[in-house]
Structure formats: C-alpha cells, structure tokens
Amino acid sequence: MKPSFKIARISSPEDGLRAFVERAPQAEAFAAAWIERARIERARPLFTRLYVLRRRIATFVVVVLAGTLFVHVMLGANGMVVYRQKRAEYEALKKQIDRVQQENDRRTQQIQGLKSNEQAIEKEAREQLGYAKPGEYVYVAPPPAKPAPTANRSAQK
C-alpha cells in the first residue's frame, strides 16, 4: 500500500515552517516506530525467521528422521536385509536336518533288519564281504579302461 502524500503549495516561508511544526509530532512518532521496528528485527532476526519457517523446518526434520529410520530398518544390524539372509539360512538348515533325519531313519531300519532278519544279514554279507553259497559263482566287473587321448593336438601347446 503506497502512502499518499499531499503536496501543498506553501506561499511563504512562515507558512512552510508552520506546516513543518504542525507535522513534527507525526514525523517523530513515525521515526520512533521505524527505529523500534529496526531494533527488534536486529535483536531477534534468527528467532523471527525460525518462527516464520517453523512448518518447513518441522517437515524437514520429520523427513530426515523418517529417512534415517528407513535406512536403519533396512540396513541396520537387525535390518530387513540381515533378516532375509538369516531366514534363507534357516530354511537351508531345516532342509538339511530333514535330509539327515531321513538318512538316520533309513539307517535305523537297516540296523533293525540286520538284527532280526536272516535274509538281510545274508544280503549284506554277499554285497559287502563278497561271500557266496557253495556252488555259486561271483562275477566281479573289471575296472573301466582309461579313455584314449584325443588325436587332435590343437588344445595342447
């Protein structure tokens, strides 16, 4: 808003002095207000600016805290990345335990069979020790022959 000034024509120097003296209290009040405002702005400029920008500062602080929390949750010592690695390791160990348990059950059944079943004992003796009943022939396969070297020598240098 622009102040509106009335410019009056002063006919004599005494009229000009009289007009100046009449407006002196208004000019003093204006100057005092202007000086007070400048003093307050110099005394508290940071706090005034911070108060004006308080919502932006609060939003920035919340965004920084949320970002920090997100990074900590994802990459921290007990973060999501570590959790997924531990979960995969847990699943692999669980599968290994199941496989070993099945092997253990099979061996237990085999031991029970060897303790009580005559046919299982005979089968193991024939397979592992190479025993045979009288009149039986045991055929043992010859070991596989080594493969012949290739005729193409391009791979050799």
Protein backbone atom coordinates (compact mmCIF):
# COMPACT_ATOMS: atom_id res chain seq x y z
CA MET A 1 0.00 0.00 0.00
CA LYS A 2 1.51 3.28 -1.09
CA PRO A 3 1.28 6.18 1.28
CA SER A 4 -0.50 9.12 -0.19
CA PHE A 5 1.26 12.41 0.24
CA LYS A 6 -0.44 15.69 -0.18
CA ILE A 7 1.84 18.26 -1.60
CA ALA A 8 0.63 21.63 -0.69
CA ARG A 9 1.86 24.87 -2.11
CA ILE A 10 3.41 27.00 0.51
CA SER A 11 3.07 30.65 -0.26
CA SER A 12 5.52 31.98 2.28
CA PRO A 13 8.42 30.63 4.33
CA GLU A 14 6.46 31.22 7.53
CA ASP A 15 3.63 29.01 6.26
CA GLY A 16 6.15 26.28 5.43
CA LEU A 17 7.66 26.49 8.90
CA ARG A 18 4.20 26.41 10.45
CA ALA A 19 3.25 23.27 8.41
CA PHE A 20 6.54 21.64 9.37
CA VAL A 21 5.95 22.31 13.08
CA GLU A 22 2.36 21.02 12.86
CA ARG A 23 3.51 17.71 11.38
CA ALA A 24 6.54 17.27 13.65
CA PRO A 25 4.76 15.02 16.21
CA GLN A 26 3.60 12.67 13.43
CA ALA A 27 7.10 12.56 11.98
CA GLU A 28 8.59 11.84 15.41
CA ALA A 29 6.10 9.04 16.02
CA PHE A 30 6.84 7.58 12.58
CA ALA A 31 10.59 7.74 13.17
CA ALA A 32 10.27 6.22 16.66
CA ALA A 33 8.17 3.33 15.32
CA TRP A 34 10.61 2.77 12.49
CA ILE A 35 13.60 2.76 14.87
CA GLU A 36 11.81 0.40 17.28
CA ARG A 37 10.94 -1.99 14.47
CA ALA A 38 14.55 -1.98 13.23
CA ARG A 39 15.84 -2.56 16.76
CA ILE A 40 13.51 -5.55 17.28
CA GLU A 41 14.44 -7.04 13.91
CA ARG A 42 18.14 -6.69 14.71
CA ALA A 43 17.69 -8.15 18.19
CA ARG A 44 15.67 -11.23 17.16
CA PRO A 45 16.13 -11.88 13.46
CA LEU A 46 17.00 -15.57 13.83
CA PHE A 47 14.13 -16.38 16.15
CA THR A 48 11.70 -14.45 13.99
CA ARG A 49 12.84 -16.25 10.85
CA LEU A 50 12.70 -19.60 12.61
CA TYR A 51 9.18 -18.87 13.82
CA VAL A 52 8.09 -17.96 10.32
CA LEU A 53 9.73 -21.10 8.86
CA ARG A 54 8.65 -23.44 11.67
CA ARG A 55 6.43 -25.66 9.48
CA ARG A 56 9.09 -26.11 6.82
CA ILE A 57 11.71 -26.87 9.46
CA ALA A 58 9.39 -29.37 11.18
CA THR A 59 8.63 -31.05 7.85
CA PHE A 60 12.34 -31.27 7.03
CA VAL A 61 13.14 -32.76 10.47
CA VAL A 62 10.36 -35.35 10.10
CA VAL A 63 11.60 -36.32 6.61
CA VAL A 64 15.18 -36.69 7.85
CA LEU A 65 14.06 -38.80 10.83
CA ALA A 66 11.88 -40.98 8.60
CA GLY A 67 14.76 -41.46 6.15
CA THR A 68 17.15 -42.35 8.96
CA LEU A 69 14.66 -44.80 10.41
CA PHE A 70 14.10 -46.38 6.98
CA VAL A 71 17.84 -46.85 6.42
CA HIS A 72 18.24 -48.33 9.91
CA VAL A 73 15.33 -50.73 9.41
CA MET A 74 16.62 -51.88 6.02
CA LEU A 75 20.37 -51.94 6.54
CA GLY A 76 20.90 -51.94 10.32
CA ALA A 77 22.36 -54.76 12.41
CA ASN A 78 18.93 -56.40 12.67
CA GLY A 79 17.56 -54.90 9.47
CA MET A 80 15.48 -56.42 6.73
CA VAL A 81 18.49 -57.43 4.62
CA VAL A 82 20.04 -59.35 7.51
CA TYR A 83 16.64 -60.83 8.36
CA ARG A 84 16.24 -62.22 4.84
CA GLN A 85 19.74 -63.72 4.93
CA LYS A 86 19.05 -65.37 8.28
CA ARG A 87 15.68 -66.63 7.01
CA ALA A 88 17.32 -68.23 3.94
CA GLU A 89 19.99 -69.80 6.16
CA TYR A 90 17.26 -71.12 8.46
CA GLU A 91 15.38 -72.71 5.55
CA ALA A 92 18.58 -74.34 4.22
CA LEU A 93 19.42 -75.75 7.66
CA LYS A 94 15.85 -77.02 8.05
CA LYS A 95 16.12 -78.88 4.73
CA GLN A 96 19.48 -80.32 5.77
CA ILE A 97 18.03 -81.50 9.10
CA ASP A 98 15.14 -83.21 7.26
CA ARG A 99 17.57 -84.92 4.88
CA VAL A 100 19.81 -86.13 7.73
CA GLN A 101 16.76 -87.30 9.69
CA GLN A 102 15.58 -89.37 6.71
CA GLU A 103 19.06 -90.86 6.38
CA ASN A 104 19.06 -91.62 10.10
CA ASP A 105 15.64 -93.32 9.85
CA ARG A 106 16.85 -95.42 6.91
CA ARG A 107 19.97 -96.50 8.82
CA THR A 108 17.88 -97.33 11.91
CA GLN A 109 15.62 -99.55 9.81
CA GLN A 110 18.66 -101.18 8.24
CA ILE A 111 20.15 -101.89 11.70
CA GLN A 112 16.86 -103.33 12.94
CA GLY A 113 16.67 -105.51 9.82
CA LEU A 114 20.21 -106.79 10.37
CA LYS A 115 19.43 -107.63 13.98
CA SER A 116 16.26 -109.61 13.26
CA ASN A 117 16.11 -110.68 9.60
CA GLU A 118 18.30 -113.55 8.35
CA GLN A 119 17.82 -112.60 4.71
CA ALA A 120 19.05 -109.03 5.36
CA ILE A 121 22.15 -110.42 7.08
CA GLU A 122 22.85 -112.74 4.16
CA LYS A 123 22.34 -109.91 1.63
CA GLU A 124 24.81 -107.62 3.41
CA ALA A 125 27.38 -110.43 3.72
CA ARG A 126 27.14 -111.15 0.00
CA GLU A 127 27.35 -107.47 -1.05
CA GLN A 128 29.97 -106.12 1.30
CA LEU A 129 32.14 -109.14 2.00
CA GLY A 130 31.77 -110.92 -1.35
CA TYR A 131 30.55 -114.18 0.21
CA ALA A 132 28.83 -116.82 -1.88
CA LYS A 133 26.97 -120.02 -1.16
CA PRO A 134 28.56 -123.26 -2.18
CA GLY A 135 28.12 -123.80 -5.91
CA GLU A 136 27.54 -120.11 -6.72
CA TYR A 137 29.81 -118.00 -8.90
CA VAL A 138 30.59 -114.38 -8.09
CA TYR A 139 31.09 -112.11 -11.06
CA VAL A 140 33.25 -109.04 -10.48
CA ALA A 141 33.20 -106.41 -13.24
CA PRO A 142 36.63 -105.22 -14.43
CA PRO A 143 37.50 -101.60 -13.69
CA PRO A 144 36.72 -99.20 -16.55
CA ALA A 145 39.55 -98.59 -19.00
CA LYS A 146 41.16 -95.17 -19.26
CA PRO A 147 39.89 -93.15 -22.23
CA ALA A 148 42.30 -92.87 -25.17
CA PRO A 149 43.93 -89.46 -25.70
CA THR A 150 42.43 -87.36 -28.43
CA ALA A 151 44.11 -87.32 -31.83
CA ASN A 152 43.61 -83.58 -32.24
CA ARG A 153 46.53 -81.75 -30.65
CA SER A 154 45.15 -78.26 -31.17
CA ALA A 155 44.24 -77.96 -27.50
CA GLN A 156 47.82 -78.68 -26.45
CA LYS A 157 50.55 -76.07 -26.67
